[in-house]
Amino acid sequence: MTLVTLTAPRTAWREPSALPGFGLAMGYKLVALSIIVLLPLAALALRPWELGFSGFIEAVTSPRVLAALRLSFGAALIAACVNAVSGSSRPGRWCGTNSR
């Protein structure tokens, strides 16, 4: 009678991660981001469509919404112009080092 031994296949030794629990933490953060940011944003985008296409167009072209959009894009344009002139987008300026 021959004795046969069954062994589990060998797996390569895995180095311990420098960030243990990274996968679990990343999953938790993505779920929290989805609940806190993406869910209300989706509701905000879908809400005007409840009234149909004409209701959506009416809601988007109301004077209050147009004023808010004008203010937002105007402020973004001014900030971009100031940033372009001052050059504060260079990472060396943030660190206080000479970036030349």
N, C-alpha and C. Protein backbone atom coordinates (compact mmCIF):
# COMPACT_ATOMS: atom_id res chain seq x y z
N MET A 1 0.84 -1.17 0.00
CA MET A 1 0.00 0.00 0.00
C MET A 1 0.89 1.24 0.00
N THR A 2 0.56 2.20 -0.84
CA THR A 2 1.36 3.40 -0.99
C THR A 2 0.68 4.54 -0.25
N LEU A 3 1.50 5.28 0.46
CA LEU A 3 0.98 6.42 1.23
C LEU A 3 1.05 7.67 0.35
N VAL A 4 -0.09 8.30 0.12
CA VAL A 4 -0.15 9.50 -0.70
C VAL A 4 -0.47 10.68 0.21
N THR A 5 0.32 11.68 0.12
CA THR A 5 0.05 12.87 0.93
C THR A 5 -0.42 13.99 0.02
N LEU A 6 -1.41 14.68 0.45
CA LEU A 6 -1.93 15.81 -0.28
C LEU A 6 -1.46 17.09 0.40
N THR A 7 -0.86 17.93 -0.37
CA THR A 7 -0.40 19.19 0.20
C THR A 7 -1.08 20.34 -0.55
N ALA A 8 -1.26 21.39 0.17
CA ALA A 8 -1.85 22.58 -0.44
C ALA A 8 -0.83 23.21 -1.37
N PRO A 9 -1.30 23.81 -2.44
CA PRO A 9 -0.33 24.47 -3.33
C PRO A 9 0.37 25.61 -2.62
N ARG A 10 1.62 25.74 -2.90
CA ARG A 10 2.41 26.78 -2.26
C ARG A 10 2.10 28.13 -2.88
N THR A 11 1.96 29.09 -2.04
CA THR A 11 1.76 30.45 -2.53
C THR A 11 3.00 31.26 -2.19
N ALA A 12 3.27 32.22 -3.01
CA ALA A 12 4.44 33.06 -2.78
C ALA A 12 4.24 33.88 -1.51
N TRP A 13 5.31 34.07 -0.78
CA TRP A 13 5.24 34.87 0.44
C TRP A 13 4.91 36.31 0.07
N ARG A 14 3.95 36.86 0.74
CA ARG A 14 3.53 38.23 0.47
C ARG A 14 4.14 39.16 1.49
N GLU A 15 4.74 40.21 0.98
CA GLU A 15 5.33 41.21 1.88
C GLU A 15 4.21 41.93 2.63
N PRO A 16 4.42 42.23 3.88
CA PRO A 16 3.41 43.00 4.60
C PRO A 16 3.30 44.40 4.01
N SER A 17 2.09 44.88 3.96
CA SER A 17 1.84 46.18 3.36
C SER A 17 2.36 47.30 4.25
N ALA A 18 2.81 48.36 3.60
CA ALA A 18 3.25 49.54 4.35
C ALA A 18 2.05 50.25 4.96
N LEU A 19 0.89 50.05 4.36
CA LEU A 19 -0.34 50.66 4.85
C LEU A 19 -1.35 49.56 5.15
N PRO A 20 -1.26 48.94 6.31
CA PRO A 20 -2.20 47.87 6.61
C PRO A 20 -3.61 48.42 6.74
N GLY A 21 -4.57 47.71 6.16
CA GLY A 21 -5.95 48.13 6.21
C GLY A 21 -6.31 49.18 5.19
N PHE A 22 -5.45 49.39 4.20
CA PHE A 22 -5.70 50.44 3.20
C PHE A 22 -6.96 50.17 2.40
N GLY A 23 -7.17 48.92 2.00
CA GLY A 23 -8.34 48.59 1.20
C GLY A 23 -9.64 48.86 1.94
N LEU A 24 -9.68 48.48 3.20
CA LEU A 24 -10.87 48.71 4.00
C LEU A 24 -11.11 50.20 4.22
N ALA A 25 -10.05 50.94 4.51
CA ALA A 25 -10.18 52.38 4.71
C ALA A 25 -10.60 53.09 3.43
N MET A 26 -10.06 52.68 2.30
CA MET A 26 -10.44 53.29 1.02
C MET A 26 -11.90 53.00 0.71
N GLY A 27 -12.33 51.79 0.96
CA GLY A 27 -13.74 51.45 0.74
C GLY A 27 -14.66 52.27 1.62
N TYR A 28 -14.29 52.43 2.87
CA TYR A 28 -15.10 53.23 3.79
C TYR A 28 -15.18 54.68 3.33
N LYS A 29 -14.06 55.22 2.89
CA LYS A 29 -14.05 56.62 2.45
C LYS A 29 -14.86 56.81 1.17
N LEU A 30 -14.81 55.85 0.25
CA LEU A 30 -15.59 55.98 -0.97
C LEU A 30 -17.09 55.90 -0.70
N VAL A 31 -17.49 55.04 0.24
CA VAL A 31 -18.91 54.96 0.61
C VAL A 31 -19.34 56.26 1.28
N ALA A 32 -18.53 56.78 2.17
CA ALA A 32 -18.86 58.04 2.84
C ALA A 32 -18.94 59.18 1.83
N LEU A 33 -18.02 59.23 0.89
CA LEU A 33 -18.05 60.26 -0.15
C LEU A 33 -19.31 60.14 -0.98
N SER A 34 -19.68 58.93 -1.32
CA SER A 34 -20.89 58.73 -2.10
C SER A 34 -22.13 59.20 -1.36
N ILE A 35 -22.20 58.91 -0.09
CA ILE A 35 -23.38 59.29 0.69
C ILE A 35 -23.42 60.80 0.93
N ILE A 36 -22.29 61.37 1.28
CA ILE A 36 -22.26 62.78 1.67
C ILE A 36 -22.27 63.72 0.46
N VAL A 37 -21.59 63.36 -0.62
CA VAL A 37 -21.44 64.29 -1.74
C VAL A 37 -22.26 63.87 -2.96
N LEU A 38 -22.07 62.66 -3.43
CA LEU A 38 -22.66 62.27 -4.71
C LEU A 38 -24.17 62.08 -4.65
N LEU A 39 -24.70 61.59 -3.56
CA LEU A 39 -26.14 61.38 -3.47
C LEU A 39 -26.90 62.71 -3.49
N PRO A 40 -26.54 63.71 -2.68
CA PRO A 40 -27.23 65.01 -2.80
C PRO A 40 -27.01 65.68 -4.14
N LEU A 41 -25.82 65.51 -4.73
CA LEU A 41 -25.55 66.10 -6.03
C LEU A 41 -26.44 65.48 -7.10
N ALA A 42 -26.64 64.18 -7.04
CA ALA A 42 -27.53 63.52 -7.99
C ALA A 42 -28.97 63.98 -7.79
N ALA A 43 -29.39 64.13 -6.55
CA ALA A 43 -30.74 64.62 -6.28
C ALA A 43 -30.91 66.04 -6.80
N LEU A 44 -29.88 66.86 -6.65
CA LEU A 44 -29.92 68.23 -7.14
C LEU A 44 -30.03 68.27 -8.66
N ALA A 45 -29.36 67.36 -9.33
CA ALA A 45 -29.40 67.32 -10.79
C ALA A 45 -30.72 66.74 -11.31
N LEU A 46 -31.31 65.80 -10.58
CA LEU A 46 -32.53 65.15 -11.05
C LEU A 46 -33.81 65.88 -10.66
N ARG A 47 -33.76 66.71 -9.67
CA ARG A 47 -34.96 67.38 -9.17
C ARG A 47 -35.68 68.22 -10.23
N PRO A 48 -34.99 69.05 -11.01
CA PRO A 48 -35.71 69.85 -12.02
C PRO A 48 -36.40 69.01 -13.10
N TRP A 49 -35.91 67.80 -13.34
CA TRP A 49 -36.49 66.97 -14.40
C TRP A 49 -37.84 66.40 -13.99
N GLU A 50 -38.24 66.51 -12.73
CA GLU A 50 -39.55 66.03 -12.30
C GLU A 50 -40.67 66.80 -12.99
N LEU A 51 -40.40 68.04 -13.40
CA LEU A 51 -41.41 68.87 -14.04
C LEU A 51 -41.42 68.69 -15.56
N GLY A 52 -40.56 67.85 -16.10
CA GLY A 52 -40.48 67.66 -17.53
C GLY A 52 -39.46 68.60 -18.14
N PHE A 53 -39.33 68.52 -19.46
CA PHE A 53 -38.33 69.33 -20.14
C PHE A 53 -38.64 70.81 -20.05
N SER A 54 -39.89 71.18 -20.21
CA SER A 54 -40.25 72.60 -20.15
C SER A 54 -40.04 73.15 -18.74
N GLY A 55 -40.33 72.36 -17.72
CA GLY A 55 -40.09 72.79 -16.35
C GLY A 55 -38.61 72.93 -16.05
N PHE A 56 -37.81 72.05 -16.65
CA PHE A 56 -36.36 72.13 -16.48
C PHE A 56 -35.82 73.41 -17.10
N ILE A 57 -36.24 73.70 -18.31
CA ILE A 57 -35.78 74.92 -18.99
C ILE A 57 -36.22 76.15 -18.22
N GLU A 58 -37.45 76.12 -17.70
CA GLU A 58 -37.95 77.26 -16.92
C GLU A 58 -37.14 77.45 -15.64
N ALA A 59 -36.79 76.35 -14.98
CA ALA A 59 -36.02 76.44 -13.73
C ALA A 59 -34.60 76.93 -13.99
N VAL A 60 -33.99 76.48 -15.07
CA VAL A 60 -32.61 76.83 -15.37
C VAL A 60 -32.48 78.27 -15.86
N THR A 61 -33.49 78.77 -16.52
CA THR A 61 -33.41 80.12 -17.07
C THR A 61 -34.09 81.17 -16.20
N SER A 62 -34.40 80.83 -14.97
CA SER A 62 -35.00 81.83 -14.08
C SER A 62 -33.94 82.87 -13.73
N PRO A 63 -34.36 84.10 -13.47
CA PRO A 63 -33.38 85.17 -13.19
C PRO A 63 -32.48 84.88 -11.99
N ARG A 64 -33.01 84.22 -11.00
CA ARG A 64 -32.21 83.92 -9.80
C ARG A 64 -31.08 82.94 -10.13
N VAL A 65 -31.41 81.91 -10.91
CA VAL A 65 -30.39 80.91 -11.29
C VAL A 65 -29.35 81.54 -12.20
N LEU A 66 -29.78 82.34 -13.15
CA LEU A 66 -28.82 82.99 -14.05
C LEU A 66 -27.90 83.94 -13.29
N ALA A 67 -28.43 84.65 -12.29
CA ALA A 67 -27.58 85.53 -11.48
C ALA A 67 -26.57 84.72 -10.67
N ALA A 68 -27.00 83.58 -10.13
CA ALA A 68 -26.08 82.74 -9.37
C ALA A 68 -24.98 82.18 -10.26
N LEU A 69 -25.33 81.76 -11.47
CA LEU A 69 -24.32 81.24 -12.40
C LEU A 69 -23.36 82.35 -12.82
N ARG A 70 -23.89 83.54 -13.09
CA ARG A 70 -23.03 84.66 -13.46
C ARG A 70 -22.04 84.98 -12.35
N LEU A 71 -22.52 84.99 -11.11
CA LEU A 71 -21.65 85.26 -9.96
C LEU A 71 -20.57 84.19 -9.82
N SER A 72 -20.96 82.92 -9.92
CA SER A 72 -20.01 81.82 -9.74
C SER A 72 -18.93 81.83 -10.83
N PHE A 73 -19.35 81.92 -12.08
CA PHE A 73 -18.37 81.89 -13.16
C PHE A 73 -17.55 83.18 -13.20
N GLY A 74 -18.14 84.30 -12.84
CA GLY A 74 -17.38 85.54 -12.78
C GLY A 74 -16.30 85.50 -11.71
N ALA A 75 -16.64 84.98 -10.54
CA ALA A 75 -15.65 84.86 -9.46
C ALA A 75 -14.55 83.88 -9.85
N ALA A 76 -14.90 82.79 -10.53
CA ALA A 76 -13.89 81.83 -10.97
C ALA A 76 -12.97 82.44 -12.01
N LEU A 77 -13.52 83.26 -12.90
CA LEU A 77 -12.70 83.93 -13.91
C LEU A 77 -11.74 84.92 -13.27
N ILE A 78 -12.22 85.69 -12.31
CA ILE A 78 -11.34 86.65 -11.61
C ILE A 78 -10.23 85.91 -10.86
N ALA A 79 -10.59 84.82 -10.18
CA ALA A 79 -9.58 84.05 -9.44
C ALA A 79 -8.54 83.46 -10.39
N ALA A 80 -8.97 82.99 -11.55
CA ALA A 80 -8.02 82.43 -12.52
C ALA A 80 -7.10 83.51 -13.06
N CYS A 81 -7.63 84.71 -13.29
CA CYS A 81 -6.78 85.81 -13.78
C CYS A 81 -5.76 86.23 -12.73
N VAL A 82 -6.20 86.35 -11.49
CA VAL A 82 -5.26 86.70 -10.41
C VAL A 82 -4.19 85.63 -10.26
N ASN A 83 -4.60 84.37 -10.37
CA ASN A 83 -3.65 83.27 -10.25
C ASN A 83 -2.65 83.29 -11.41
N ALA A 84 -3.12 83.61 -12.60
CA ALA A 84 -2.22 83.66 -13.75
C ALA A 84 -1.20 84.78 -13.62
N VAL A 85 -1.61 85.91 -13.08
CA VAL A 85 -0.71 87.05 -12.94
C VAL A 85 0.27 86.83 -11.79
N SER A 86 -0.23 86.36 -10.67
CA SER A 86 0.63 86.22 -9.49
C SER A 86 1.52 84.98 -9.58
N GLY A 87 1.13 84.00 -10.35
CA GLY A 87 1.94 82.80 -10.49
C GLY A 87 1.95 81.94 -9.24
N SER A 88 0.91 82.00 -8.45
CA SER A 88 0.90 81.24 -7.20
C SER A 88 0.56 79.78 -7.40
N SER A 89 0.42 79.34 -8.64
CA SER A 89 0.11 77.94 -8.86
C SER A 89 1.36 77.07 -8.93
N ARG A 90 2.55 77.69 -8.83
CA ARG A 90 3.78 76.91 -8.85
C ARG A 90 4.01 76.27 -7.49
N PRO A 91 4.25 74.97 -7.43
CA PRO A 91 4.42 74.30 -6.14
C PRO A 91 5.59 74.85 -5.32
N GLY A 92 6.62 75.38 -5.96
CA GLY A 92 7.76 75.92 -5.22
C GLY A 92 7.36 77.10 -4.35
N ARG A 93 6.38 77.85 -4.78
CA ARG A 93 5.93 78.99 -3.98
C ARG A 93 5.24 78.53 -2.71
N TRP A 94 4.55 77.40 -2.77
CA TRP A 94 3.86 76.90 -1.58
C TRP A 94 4.87 76.46 -0.53
N CYS A 95 5.97 75.90 -0.97
CA CYS A 95 6.96 75.37 -0.04
C CYS A 95 7.93 76.43 0.45
N GLY A 96 7.90 77.58 -0.18
CA GLY A 96 8.82 78.63 0.22
C GLY A 96 10.21 78.45 -0.34
N THR A 97 10.34 77.63 -1.39
CA THR A 97 11.65 77.40 -1.99
C THR A 97 11.75 78.17 -3.29
N ASN A 98 12.95 78.37 -3.74
CA ASN A 98 13.18 79.05 -5.00
C ASN A 98 12.96 78.05 -6.12
N SER A 99 11.97 78.28 -6.97
CA SER A 99 11.61 77.31 -7.98
C SER A 99 12.20 77.63 -9.36
N ARG A 100 13.19 78.50 -9.43
CA ARG A 100 13.80 78.84 -10.72
C ARG A 100 14.78 77.81 -11.15
